Amino acid sequence: MRKPMSADHYLNKIKPIVRKTKFSQLRIDDIAKYMDISKVTLYKHFSSKDDIIEQVVEYEIQYLQQADIVVNDDSLSYVDRFQKTFLQSLLCVVYLSDLFLQDLKEFYPTLYDKLVLAQQNRNKNLRTFFETGMDRKVFNRMNPMLPLIQDDATLRRIMEPNFSIQWYDLTLKQAIIEYYKMKQYQMIRPEHLDSIDDSNFESQVAEILLTIS
């Protein structure tokens, strides 16, 4: 007997859509189509359109809170945590697109404020992580907020649908990987660069990009 799909399964289908299509403009019929289910099945999992966006935002908030776990995991080296926080930043940009955030701010301001608070808490934890790494002479000394600003601005620009990465003779995946390598040399002190294990990094980037293909 086929196992019934969970609400999370259907949310995962709508998340790539709302990064490039305003949720406020989607009808229930549209959402059901993107989830590949009937409206009857949709209402078995979600009480309303507002319930769907609330659950999407709650998922994003929980993801942002995972940064606390990564940066405080002393079983991982600083360079390993650096890699994981970069991948987290990439995922944040993938799902929290400018269009999604603008739509949320205009039509769901309470949810927007909750999301902003979670992002601010993530930034605070990452700032502490980078500052500690600098004190331990793993990271180069700089304003710890600048890497966060740089990641958000650069990754958002690379991921913009109207940004033609081909002008620079790069694929989307190549651009992200090369930017990550640049960040390594920018942030990590030379004596720690050889300890970086990037053997699975390319496949992890490819997996993230597959979610929006």
N, C-alpha and C. Protein backbone atom coordinates (compact mmCIF):
# COMPACT_ATOMS: atom_id res chain seq x y z
N MET A 1 0.85 -1.21 0.00
CA MET A 1 0.00 0.00 0.00
C MET A 1 0.87 1.24 0.00
N ARG A 2 0.55 2.20 -0.85
CA ARG A 2 1.35 3.42 -0.96
C ARG A 2 1.21 4.28 0.30
N LYS A 3 2.35 4.71 0.83
CA LYS A 3 2.36 5.53 2.05
C LYS A 3 1.89 6.95 1.74
N PRO A 4 0.97 7.50 2.53
CA PRO A 4 0.50 8.88 2.30
C PRO A 4 1.64 9.89 2.44
N MET A 5 1.62 10.90 1.59
CA MET A 5 2.63 11.94 1.64
C MET A 5 2.37 12.86 2.83
N SER A 6 3.45 13.39 3.41
CA SER A 6 3.32 14.29 4.55
C SER A 6 3.17 15.73 4.08
N ALA A 7 2.77 16.59 5.00
CA ALA A 7 2.66 18.02 4.68
C ALA A 7 4.03 18.57 4.27
N ASP A 8 5.11 18.10 4.90
CA ASP A 8 6.46 18.57 4.56
C ASP A 8 6.79 18.29 3.10
N HIS A 9 6.32 17.15 2.60
CA HIS A 9 6.58 16.80 1.20
C HIS A 9 5.98 17.85 0.27
N TYR A 10 4.78 18.30 0.57
CA TYR A 10 4.11 19.29 -0.28
C TYR A 10 4.71 20.68 -0.08
N LEU A 11 5.15 20.98 1.13
CA LEU A 11 5.82 22.26 1.37
C LEU A 11 7.12 22.35 0.57
N ASN A 12 7.83 21.24 0.49
CA ASN A 12 9.08 21.22 -0.28
C ASN A 12 8.83 21.48 -1.76
N LYS A 13 7.63 21.16 -2.22
CA LYS A 13 7.31 21.42 -3.63
C LYS A 13 6.97 22.88 -3.88
N ILE A 14 6.43 23.55 -2.87
CA ILE A 14 6.03 24.95 -3.07
C ILE A 14 7.16 25.92 -2.78
N LYS A 15 8.13 25.52 -1.96
CA LYS A 15 9.21 26.44 -1.59
C LYS A 15 10.01 26.96 -2.78
N PRO A 16 10.37 26.12 -3.76
CA PRO A 16 11.08 26.68 -4.93
C PRO A 16 10.22 27.64 -5.75
N ILE A 17 8.91 27.49 -5.67
CA ILE A 17 8.00 28.34 -6.44
C ILE A 17 7.95 29.74 -5.85
N VAL A 18 7.84 29.83 -4.51
CA VAL A 18 7.65 31.15 -3.90
C VAL A 18 8.94 31.98 -3.89
N ARG A 19 10.05 31.42 -4.28
CA ARG A 19 11.27 32.22 -4.40
C ARG A 19 11.25 33.06 -5.68
N LYS A 20 10.40 32.66 -6.64
CA LYS A 20 10.37 33.40 -7.91
C LYS A 20 8.96 33.82 -8.33
N THR A 21 7.95 33.46 -7.53
CA THR A 21 6.56 33.84 -7.80
C THR A 21 5.95 34.37 -6.51
N LYS A 22 5.28 35.50 -6.57
CA LYS A 22 4.69 36.08 -5.37
C LYS A 22 3.61 35.16 -4.81
N PHE A 23 3.79 34.76 -3.57
CA PHE A 23 2.81 33.90 -2.92
C PHE A 23 1.47 34.59 -2.81
N SER A 24 1.49 35.89 -2.60
CA SER A 24 0.24 36.66 -2.45
C SER A 24 -0.62 36.59 -3.70
N GLN A 25 0.00 36.33 -4.84
CA GLN A 25 -0.74 36.28 -6.10
C GLN A 25 -1.16 34.87 -6.50
N LEU A 26 -0.71 33.88 -5.75
CA LEU A 26 -1.08 32.50 -6.06
C LEU A 26 -2.46 32.19 -5.50
N ARG A 27 -3.27 31.52 -6.29
CA ARG A 27 -4.56 31.03 -5.82
C ARG A 27 -4.38 29.62 -5.27
N ILE A 28 -5.35 29.16 -4.52
CA ILE A 28 -5.29 27.79 -4.00
C ILE A 28 -5.16 26.79 -5.15
N ASP A 29 -5.86 27.06 -6.27
CA ASP A 29 -5.75 26.18 -7.44
C ASP A 29 -4.31 26.11 -7.93
N ASP A 30 -3.63 27.28 -7.96
CA ASP A 30 -2.24 27.32 -8.40
C ASP A 30 -1.35 26.51 -7.46
N ILE A 31 -1.55 26.71 -6.16
CA ILE A 31 -0.73 26.02 -5.16
C ILE A 31 -0.91 24.52 -5.26
N ALA A 32 -2.17 24.08 -5.41
CA ALA A 32 -2.44 22.65 -5.55
C ALA A 32 -1.74 22.09 -6.79
N LYS A 33 -1.75 22.87 -7.87
CA LYS A 33 -1.09 22.42 -9.10
C LYS A 33 0.41 22.25 -8.88
N TYR A 34 1.04 23.23 -8.24
CA TYR A 34 2.48 23.14 -7.99
C TYR A 34 2.82 22.01 -7.03
N MET A 35 1.91 21.72 -6.10
CA MET A 35 2.12 20.61 -5.17
C MET A 35 1.77 19.27 -5.81
N ASP A 36 1.16 19.34 -6.99
CA ASP A 36 0.76 18.14 -7.74
C ASP A 36 -0.26 17.30 -6.97
N ILE A 37 -1.24 17.99 -6.40
CA ILE A 37 -2.32 17.32 -5.67
C ILE A 37 -3.64 18.02 -5.98
N SER A 38 -4.72 17.40 -5.59
CA SER A 38 -6.03 18.02 -5.74
C SER A 38 -6.28 18.99 -4.59
N LYS A 39 -7.25 19.87 -4.75
CA LYS A 39 -7.58 20.78 -3.66
C LYS A 39 -8.10 20.01 -2.44
N VAL A 40 -8.78 18.91 -2.67
CA VAL A 40 -9.29 18.10 -1.57
C VAL A 40 -8.12 17.58 -0.73
N THR A 41 -7.09 17.07 -1.40
CA THR A 41 -5.91 16.57 -0.69
C THR A 41 -5.17 17.71 0.00
N LEU A 42 -5.09 18.84 -0.67
CA LEU A 42 -4.42 20.00 -0.07
C LEU A 42 -5.06 20.36 1.27
N TYR A 43 -6.40 20.39 1.28
CA TYR A 43 -7.10 20.81 2.51
C TYR A 43 -7.06 19.73 3.60
N LYS A 44 -6.60 18.54 3.26
CA LYS A 44 -6.38 17.53 4.28
C LYS A 44 -5.12 17.83 5.10
N HIS A 45 -4.21 18.60 4.48
CA HIS A 45 -2.92 18.90 5.12
C HIS A 45 -2.83 20.34 5.62
N PHE A 46 -3.56 21.24 4.95
CA PHE A 46 -3.47 22.67 5.29
C PHE A 46 -4.87 23.25 5.39
N SER A 47 -5.06 24.08 6.41
CA SER A 47 -6.40 24.63 6.64
C SER A 47 -6.73 25.79 5.70
N SER A 48 -5.69 26.47 5.18
CA SER A 48 -5.92 27.64 4.34
C SER A 48 -4.62 28.03 3.63
N LYS A 49 -4.72 29.00 2.76
CA LYS A 49 -3.54 29.54 2.10
C LYS A 49 -2.60 30.16 3.13
N ASP A 50 -3.18 30.87 4.10
CA ASP A 50 -2.35 31.48 5.15
C ASP A 50 -1.61 30.41 5.96
N ASP A 51 -2.24 29.28 6.18
CA ASP A 51 -1.60 28.18 6.91
C ASP A 51 -0.36 27.70 6.15
N ILE A 52 -0.44 27.66 4.84
CA ILE A 52 0.69 27.20 4.03
C ILE A 52 1.87 28.14 4.17
N ILE A 53 1.63 29.45 4.02
CA ILE A 53 2.75 30.40 4.10
C ILE A 53 3.31 30.44 5.52
N GLU A 54 2.44 30.27 6.52
CA GLU A 54 2.93 30.23 7.90
C GLU A 54 3.87 29.05 8.12
N GLN A 55 3.53 27.90 7.54
CA GLN A 55 4.38 26.72 7.69
C GLN A 55 5.67 26.86 6.89
N VAL A 56 5.60 27.49 5.73
CA VAL A 56 6.83 27.75 4.96
C VAL A 56 7.78 28.63 5.76
N VAL A 57 7.25 29.70 6.33
CA VAL A 57 8.09 30.62 7.11
C VAL A 57 8.63 29.93 8.36
N GLU A 58 7.81 29.12 9.01
CA GLU A 58 8.28 28.40 10.20
C GLU A 58 9.42 27.46 9.85
N TYR A 59 9.34 26.84 8.70
CA TYR A 59 10.44 25.98 8.24
C TYR A 59 11.72 26.80 8.06
N GLU A 60 11.60 27.97 7.44
CA GLU A 60 12.77 28.81 7.21
C GLU A 60 13.36 29.29 8.54
N ILE A 61 12.52 29.61 9.50
CA ILE A 61 13.00 30.05 10.81
C ILE A 61 13.76 28.92 11.49
N GLN A 62 13.22 27.72 11.43
CA GLN A 62 13.92 26.57 12.03
C GLN A 62 15.26 26.34 11.36
N TYR A 63 15.31 26.56 10.06
CA TYR A 63 16.58 26.38 9.36
C TYR A 63 17.60 27.43 9.81
N LEU A 64 17.17 28.68 9.93
CA LEU A 64 18.07 29.73 10.38
C LEU A 64 18.59 29.43 11.78
N GLN A 65 17.77 28.82 12.61
CA GLN A 65 18.18 28.50 13.97
C GLN A 65 19.22 27.38 14.02
N GLN A 66 19.33 26.62 12.94
CA GLN A 66 20.33 25.56 12.89
C GLN A 66 21.75 26.11 12.91
N ALA A 67 21.92 27.38 12.56
CA ALA A 67 23.24 28.00 12.60
C ALA A 67 23.82 27.94 14.01
N ASP A 68 22.95 28.03 15.02
CA ASP A 68 23.41 27.94 16.41
C ASP A 68 24.11 26.61 16.66
N ILE A 69 23.53 25.54 16.12
CA ILE A 69 24.09 24.20 16.33
C ILE A 69 25.45 24.08 15.65
N VAL A 70 25.56 24.58 14.43
CA VAL A 70 26.80 24.45 13.66
C VAL A 70 27.93 25.24 14.30
N VAL A 71 27.71 26.50 14.59
CA VAL A 71 28.81 27.34 15.09
C VAL A 71 29.24 26.95 16.49
N ASN A 72 28.38 26.28 17.24
CA ASN A 72 28.73 25.87 18.60
C ASN A 72 29.18 24.41 18.70
N ASP A 73 29.33 23.76 17.56
CA ASP A 73 29.74 22.35 17.54
C ASP A 73 31.27 22.26 17.63
N ASP A 74 31.77 22.12 18.85
CA ASP A 74 33.22 22.08 19.06
C ASP A 74 33.87 20.80 18.54
N SER A 75 33.07 19.82 18.13
CA SER A 75 33.65 18.61 17.55
C SER A 75 34.15 18.86 16.13
N LEU A 76 33.74 19.99 15.55
CA LEU A 76 34.19 20.38 14.21
C LEU A 76 35.23 21.48 14.31
N SER A 77 36.19 21.45 13.41
CA SER A 77 37.19 22.51 13.38
C SER A 77 36.55 23.81 12.89
N TYR A 78 37.26 24.91 13.07
CA TYR A 78 36.74 26.19 12.61
C TYR A 78 36.58 26.22 11.09
N VAL A 79 37.52 25.62 10.38
CA VAL A 79 37.42 25.64 8.91
C VAL A 79 36.26 24.76 8.44
N ASP A 80 35.98 23.66 9.15
CA ASP A 80 34.83 22.84 8.78
C ASP A 80 33.53 23.60 9.03
N ARG A 81 33.49 24.30 10.15
CA ARG A 81 32.29 25.10 10.45
C ARG A 81 32.15 26.26 9.47
N PHE A 82 33.28 26.80 9.04
CA PHE A 82 33.26 27.86 8.02
C PHE A 82 32.58 27.36 6.76
N GLN A 83 32.93 26.15 6.32
CA GLN A 83 32.33 25.58 5.12
C GLN A 83 30.83 25.38 5.30
N LYS A 84 30.43 24.84 6.45
CA LYS A 84 29.02 24.58 6.70
C LYS A 84 28.21 25.88 6.77
N THR A 85 28.78 26.92 7.37
CA THR A 85 28.05 28.19 7.44
C THR A 85 27.91 28.81 6.06
N PHE A 86 28.90 28.59 5.18
CA PHE A 86 28.78 29.09 3.81
C PHE A 86 27.63 28.41 3.09
N LEU A 87 27.55 27.08 3.22
CA LEU A 87 26.46 26.34 2.58
C LEU A 87 25.11 26.77 3.14
N GLN A 88 25.06 27.06 4.44
CA GLN A 88 23.83 27.57 5.04
C GLN A 88 23.45 28.92 4.43
N SER A 89 24.44 29.77 4.23
CA SER A 89 24.18 31.09 3.64
C SER A 89 23.65 30.94 2.22
N LEU A 90 24.19 29.99 1.48
CA LEU A 90 23.72 29.73 0.13
C LEU A 90 22.26 29.29 0.15
N LEU A 91 21.92 28.39 1.05
CA LEU A 91 20.53 27.92 1.14
C LEU A 91 19.59 29.05 1.56
N CYS A 92 20.06 29.92 2.45
CA CYS A 92 19.23 31.06 2.86
C CYS A 92 18.89 31.95 1.67
N VAL A 93 19.89 32.19 0.82
CA VAL A 93 19.67 33.03 -0.35
C VAL A 93 18.75 32.32 -1.34
N VAL A 94 18.92 31.00 -1.48
CA VAL A 94 18.09 30.23 -2.40
C VAL A 94 16.61 30.34 -2.03
N TYR A 95 16.29 30.17 -0.76
CA TYR A 95 14.89 30.14 -0.36
C TYR A 95 14.34 31.49 0.09
N LEU A 96 15.20 32.33 0.64
CA LEU A 96 14.74 33.65 1.07
C LEU A 96 15.12 34.69 0.02
N SER A 97 14.54 34.54 -1.14
CA SER A 97 14.83 35.46 -2.24
C SER A 97 14.29 36.85 -1.94
N ASP A 98 14.81 37.85 -2.64
CA ASP A 98 14.33 39.22 -2.46
C ASP A 98 12.83 39.31 -2.73
N LEU A 99 12.38 38.62 -3.78
CA LEU A 99 10.95 38.65 -4.13
C LEU A 99 10.11 38.08 -3.00
N PHE A 100 10.54 36.96 -2.44
CA PHE A 100 9.81 36.33 -1.35
C PHE A 100 9.75 37.25 -0.13
N LEU A 101 10.89 37.86 0.22
CA LEU A 101 10.94 38.73 1.38
C LEU A 101 10.09 39.99 1.19
N GLN A 102 10.13 40.57 0.00
CA GLN A 102 9.33 41.76 -0.28
C GLN A 102 7.84 41.45 -0.20
N ASP A 103 7.45 40.31 -0.76
CA ASP A 103 6.05 39.90 -0.73
C ASP A 103 5.59 39.65 0.70
N LEU A 104 6.45 39.00 1.46
CA LEU A 104 6.14 38.72 2.86
C LEU A 104 5.98 40.02 3.66
N LYS A 105 6.87 40.95 3.43
CA LYS A 105 6.83 42.22 4.16
C LYS A 105 5.55 42.99 3.88
N GLU A 106 5.08 42.93 2.64
CA GLU A 106 3.89 43.70 2.25
C GLU A 106 2.59 43.03 2.70
N PHE A 107 2.51 41.72 2.56
CA PHE A 107 1.22 41.04 2.78
C PHE A 107 1.16 40.21 4.06
N TYR A 108 2.33 39.87 4.61
CA TYR A 108 2.36 39.07 5.84
C TYR A 108 3.40 39.67 6.80
N PRO A 109 3.20 40.92 7.23
CA PRO A 109 4.22 41.63 8.01
C PRO A 109 4.60 40.94 9.32
N THR A 110 3.66 40.28 9.97
CA THR A 110 3.98 39.59 11.23
C THR A 110 4.95 38.44 10.97
N LEU A 111 4.70 37.68 9.91
CA LEU A 111 5.61 36.59 9.54
C LEU A 111 6.97 37.14 9.11
N TYR A 112 6.94 38.26 8.41
CA TYR A 112 8.19 38.89 7.98
C TYR A 112 9.03 39.29 9.19
N ASP A 113 8.40 39.89 10.19
CA ASP A 113 9.13 40.31 11.39
C ASP A 113 9.74 39.11 12.12
N LYS A 114 9.02 38.00 12.18
CA LYS A 114 9.55 36.80 12.83
C LYS A 114 10.76 36.27 12.07
N LEU A 115 10.70 36.33 10.75
CA LEU A 115 11.81 35.86 9.92
C LEU A 115 13.03 36.76 10.07
N VAL A 116 12.80 38.06 10.11
CA VAL A 116 13.90 39.02 10.29
C VAL A 116 14.58 38.80 11.63
N LEU A 117 13.80 38.57 12.67
CA LEU A 117 14.37 38.33 13.99
C LEU A 117 15.25 37.08 14.00
N ALA A 118 14.79 36.03 13.33
CA ALA A 118 15.59 34.79 13.24
C ALA A 118 16.88 35.04 12.48
N GLN A 119 16.81 35.85 11.43
CA GLN A 119 18.01 36.18 10.65
C GLN A 119 18.98 37.01 11.48
N GLN A 120 18.47 37.94 12.25
CA GLN A 120 19.32 38.76 13.11
C GLN A 120 20.02 37.91 14.17
N ASN A 121 19.30 36.94 14.73
CA ASN A 121 19.90 36.03 15.71
C ASN A 121 20.99 35.19 15.06
N ARG A 122 20.74 34.74 13.84
CA ARG A 122 21.77 33.96 13.12
C ARG A 122 23.01 34.82 12.90
N ASN A 123 22.82 36.06 12.47
CA ASN A 123 23.96 36.95 12.24
C ASN A 123 24.75 37.19 13.53
N LYS A 124 24.04 37.32 14.63
CA LYS A 124 24.70 37.54 15.92
C LYS A 124 25.58 36.34 16.29
N ASN A 125 25.04 35.14 16.09
CA ASN A 125 25.81 33.93 16.40
C ASN A 125 27.01 33.75 15.47
N LEU A 126 26.81 34.08 14.19
CA LEU A 126 27.92 33.98 13.25
C LEU A 126 29.00 35.01 13.55
N ARG A 127 28.59 36.18 13.97
CA ARG A 127 29.56 37.21 14.35
C ARG A 127 30.43 36.72 15.51
N THR A 128 29.81 36.13 16.51
CA THR A 128 30.56 35.60 17.65
C THR A 128 31.52 34.49 17.20
N PHE A 129 31.04 33.64 16.29
CA PHE A 129 31.87 32.54 15.76
C PHE A 129 33.10 33.10 15.05
N PHE A 130 32.92 34.07 14.18
CA PHE A 130 34.05 34.64 13.44
C PHE A 130 35.01 35.37 14.38
N GLU A 131 34.47 36.09 15.35
CA GLU A 131 35.32 36.81 16.30
C GLU A 131 36.20 35.84 17.09
N THR A 132 35.59 34.73 17.54
CA THR A 132 36.34 33.72 18.29
C THR A 132 37.41 33.09 17.40
N GLY A 133 37.06 32.82 16.14
CA GLY A 133 38.03 32.25 15.20
C GLY A 133 39.20 33.20 14.93
N MET A 134 38.92 34.48 14.93
CA MET A 134 39.99 35.47 14.77
C MET A 134 40.89 35.50 16.01
N ASP A 135 40.28 35.44 17.19
CA ASP A 135 41.06 35.43 18.43
C ASP A 135 41.97 34.21 18.50
N ARG A 136 41.51 33.09 17.92
CA ARG A 136 42.30 31.85 17.94
C ARG A 136 43.22 31.74 16.72
N LYS A 137 43.29 32.81 15.97
CA LYS A 137 44.21 32.92 14.83
C LYS A 137 43.94 31.87 13.75
N VAL A 138 42.64 31.57 13.56
CA VAL A 138 42.21 30.72 12.44
C VAL A 138 41.76 31.60 11.28
N PHE A 139 41.04 32.68 11.61
CA PHE A 139 40.55 33.62 10.60
C PHE A 139 41.38 34.89 10.63
N ASN A 140 41.50 35.51 9.48
CA ASN A 140 42.17 36.81 9.39
C ASN A 140 41.34 37.86 10.12
N ARG A 141 42.01 38.82 10.71
CA ARG A 141 41.34 39.87 11.46
C ARG A 141 40.62 40.83 10.51
N MET A 142 39.32 41.00 10.74
CA MET A 142 38.49 41.93 9.96
C MET A 142 37.22 42.18 10.74
N ASN A 143 36.42 43.12 10.27
CA ASN A 143 35.10 43.32 10.87
C ASN A 143 34.27 42.05 10.61
N PRO A 144 33.82 41.36 11.65
CA PRO A 144 33.14 40.07 11.46
C PRO A 144 31.81 40.15 10.74
N MET A 145 31.23 41.36 10.63
CA MET A 145 29.97 41.50 9.91
C MET A 145 30.17 41.58 8.41
N LEU A 146 31.37 41.98 7.98
CA LEU A 146 31.60 42.14 6.54
C LEU A 146 31.44 40.83 5.76
N PRO A 147 31.94 39.68 6.26
CA PRO A 147 31.71 38.44 5.51
C PRO A 147 30.23 38.11 5.34
N LEU A 148 29.41 38.43 6.34
CA LEU A 148 27.98 38.16 6.24
C LEU A 148 27.33 39.06 5.19
N ILE A 149 27.70 40.32 5.20
CA ILE A 149 27.17 41.27 4.21
C ILE A 149 27.62 40.87 2.81
N GLN A 150 28.89 40.48 2.71
CA GLN A 150 29.44 40.09 1.41
C GLN A 150 28.74 38.85 0.86
N ASP A 151 28.53 37.85 1.70
CA ASP A 151 27.85 36.64 1.24
C ASP A 151 26.44 36.94 0.77
N ASP A 152 25.71 37.72 1.56
CA ASP A 152 24.33 38.02 1.20
C ASP A 152 24.26 38.78 -0.12
N ALA A 153 25.10 39.79 -0.27
CA ALA A 153 25.06 40.61 -1.49
C ALA A 153 25.53 39.83 -2.71
N THR A 154 26.65 39.11 -2.58
CA THR A 154 27.23 38.41 -3.73
C THR A 154 26.38 37.22 -4.15
N LEU A 155 25.98 36.39 -3.19
CA LEU A 155 25.19 35.21 -3.53
C LEU A 155 23.82 35.60 -4.08
N ARG A 156 23.22 36.67 -3.54
CA ARG A 156 21.94 37.12 -4.08
C ARG A 156 22.10 37.57 -5.53
N ARG A 157 23.18 38.27 -5.81
CA ARG A 157 23.41 38.74 -7.18
C ARG A 157 23.62 37.57 -8.13
N ILE A 158 24.40 36.59 -7.70
CA ILE A 158 24.66 35.42 -8.54
C ILE A 158 23.37 34.64 -8.82
N MET A 159 22.50 34.57 -7.80
CA MET A 159 21.29 33.76 -7.92
C MET A 159 20.13 34.49 -8.59
N GLU A 160 20.27 35.77 -8.88
CA GLU A 160 19.18 36.52 -9.53
C GLU A 160 18.85 35.91 -10.89
N PRO A 161 17.56 35.69 -11.18
CA PRO A 161 17.18 35.08 -12.46
C PRO A 161 17.62 35.90 -13.67
N ASN A 162 17.65 37.24 -13.51
CA ASN A 162 18.00 38.09 -14.65
C ASN A 162 19.49 38.40 -14.73
N PHE A 163 20.28 37.76 -13.88
CA PHE A 163 21.73 37.96 -13.91
C PHE A 163 22.34 36.91 -14.82
N SER A 164 22.91 37.36 -15.92
CA SER A 164 23.46 36.43 -16.90
C SER A 164 24.89 36.06 -16.52
N ILE A 165 25.03 34.97 -15.78
CA ILE A 165 26.34 34.51 -15.35
C ILE A 165 27.20 34.10 -16.54
N GLN A 166 26.53 33.78 -17.68
CA GLN A 166 27.27 33.37 -18.86
C GLN A 166 28.15 34.49 -19.42
N TRP A 167 27.82 35.73 -19.09
CA TRP A 167 28.66 36.84 -19.53
C TRP A 167 30.09 36.68 -19.03
N TYR A 168 30.23 35.99 -17.92
CA TYR A 168 31.55 35.82 -17.31
C TYR A 168 32.12 34.43 -17.58
N ASP A 169 31.51 33.72 -18.53
CA ASP A 169 31.96 32.39 -18.93
C ASP A 169 32.00 31.45 -17.74
N LEU A 170 30.95 31.48 -16.93
CA LEU A 170 30.85 30.62 -15.75
C LEU A 170 29.44 30.02 -15.68
N THR A 171 29.36 28.79 -15.20
CA THR A 171 28.05 28.25 -14.87
C THR A 171 27.69 28.73 -13.47
N LEU A 172 26.44 28.56 -13.10
CA LEU A 172 26.00 28.98 -11.77
C LEU A 172 26.80 28.25 -10.69
N LYS A 173 26.96 26.94 -10.86
CA LYS A 173 27.71 26.15 -9.88
C LYS A 173 29.16 26.61 -9.81
N GLN A 174 29.78 26.85 -10.94
CA GLN A 174 31.17 27.31 -10.96
C GLN A 174 31.32 28.65 -10.24
N ALA A 175 30.37 29.54 -10.47
CA ALA A 175 30.45 30.87 -9.85
C ALA A 175 30.41 30.75 -8.33
N ILE A 176 29.53 29.89 -7.82
CA ILE A 176 29.41 29.70 -6.36
C ILE A 176 30.68 29.07 -5.79
N ILE A 177 31.19 28.06 -6.47
CA ILE A 177 32.40 27.36 -5.98
C ILE A 177 33.61 28.30 -6.01
N GLU A 178 33.76 29.07 -7.08
CA GLU A 178 34.90 29.99 -7.16
C GLU A 178 34.79 31.10 -6.13
N TYR A 179 33.57 31.55 -5.88
CA TYR A 179 33.38 32.56 -4.84
C TYR A 179 33.74 31.99 -3.47
N TYR A 180 33.35 30.76 -3.22
CA TYR A 180 33.70 30.09 -1.96
C TYR A 180 35.22 29.98 -1.79
N LYS A 181 35.91 29.61 -2.85
CA LYS A 181 37.38 29.50 -2.78
C LYS A 181 38.00 30.87 -2.49
N MET A 182 37.46 31.89 -3.11
CA MET A 182 37.95 33.25 -2.85
C MET A 182 37.76 33.61 -1.38
N LYS A 183 36.59 33.23 -0.83
CA LYS A 183 36.33 33.50 0.59
C LYS A 183 37.33 32.79 1.50
N GLN A 184 37.72 31.58 1.11
CA GLN A 184 38.70 30.85 1.92
C GLN A 184 39.99 31.66 2.06
N TYR A 185 40.52 32.13 0.94
CA TYR A 185 41.77 32.88 0.97
C TYR A 185 41.60 34.24 1.65
N GLN A 186 40.41 34.76 1.56
CA GLN A 186 40.12 36.05 2.17
C GLN A 186 40.03 35.95 3.69
N MET A 187 39.46 34.86 4.19
CA MET A 187 39.15 34.76 5.61
C MET A 187 40.09 33.88 6.41
N ILE A 188 40.55 32.78 5.83
CA ILE A 188 41.30 31.78 6.60
C ILE A 188 42.80 32.05 6.50
N ARG A 189 43.45 32.03 7.62
CA ARG A 189 44.89 32.29 7.65
C ARG A 189 45.64 31.19 6.88
N PRO A 190 46.74 31.54 6.20
CA PRO A 190 47.44 30.60 5.31
C PRO A 190 47.80 29.27 5.95
N GLU A 191 48.19 29.28 7.21
CA GLU A 191 48.62 28.04 7.87
C GLU A 191 47.48 27.05 8.11
N HIS A 192 46.22 27.50 7.91
CA HIS A 192 45.08 26.60 8.11
C HIS A 192 44.41 26.18 6.80
N LEU A 193 44.86 26.72 5.69
CA LEU A 193 44.21 26.42 4.41
C LEU A 193 44.34 24.95 4.02
N ASP A 194 45.46 24.32 4.36
CA ASP A 194 45.66 22.92 3.98
C ASP A 194 44.76 21.96 4.75
N SER A 195 44.14 22.42 5.81
CA SER A 195 43.29 21.54 6.62
C SER A 195 41.86 21.49 6.12
N ILE A 196 41.55 22.23 5.07
CA ILE A 196 40.19 22.27 4.55
C ILE A 196 39.91 21.02 3.72
N ASP A 197 38.79 20.37 4.00
CA ASP A 197 38.36 19.20 3.23
C ASP A 197 37.16 19.60 2.38
N ASP A 198 37.41 19.83 1.10
CA ASP A 198 36.35 20.25 0.18
C ASP A 198 35.92 19.11 -0.75
N SER A 199 36.21 17.87 -0.36
CA SER A 199 35.95 16.74 -1.24
C SER A 199 34.47 16.57 -1.59
N ASN A 200 33.59 16.96 -0.66
CA ASN A 200 32.15 16.81 -0.92
C ASN A 200 31.46 18.15 -1.20
N PHE A 201 32.23 19.21 -1.23
CA PHE A 201 31.62 20.54 -1.34
C PHE A 201 30.88 20.72 -2.66
N GLU A 202 31.51 20.32 -3.76
CA GLU A 202 30.89 20.52 -5.07
C GLU A 202 29.56 19.77 -5.18
N SER A 203 29.52 18.54 -4.67
CA SER A 203 28.28 17.76 -4.74
C SER A 203 27.19 18.39 -3.85
N GLN A 204 27.59 18.99 -2.74
CA GLN A 204 26.62 19.65 -1.86
C GLN A 204 26.03 20.89 -2.53
N VAL A 205 26.86 21.65 -3.23
CA VAL A 205 26.36 22.81 -3.98
C VAL A 205 25.40 22.36 -5.07
N ALA A 206 25.79 21.30 -5.78
CA ALA A 206 24.94 20.78 -6.86
C ALA A 206 23.58 20.34 -6.30
N GLU A 207 23.58 19.73 -5.12
CA GLU A 207 22.34 19.28 -4.52
C GLU A 207 21.44 20.45 -4.15
N ILE A 208 22.04 21.52 -3.65
CA ILE A 208 21.26 22.72 -3.31
C ILE A 208 20.64 23.32 -4.56
N LEU A 209 21.44 23.43 -5.62
CA LEU A 209 20.94 24.04 -6.86
C LEU A 209 19.88 23.18 -7.51
N LEU A 210 19.94 21.86 -7.27
CA LEU A 210 18.93 20.97 -7.84
C LEU A 210 17.54 21.26 -7.28
N THR A 211 17.49 21.79 -6.06
CA THR A 211 16.19 22.08 -5.44
C THR A 211 15.44 23.21 -6.15
N ILE A 212 16.14 24.01 -6.94
CA ILE A 212 15.47 25.13 -7.63
C ILE A 212 15.50 24.97 -9.14
N SER A 213 15.99 23.83 -9.61
CA SER A 213 16.07 23.63 -11.06
C SER A 213 14.70 23.32 -11.62
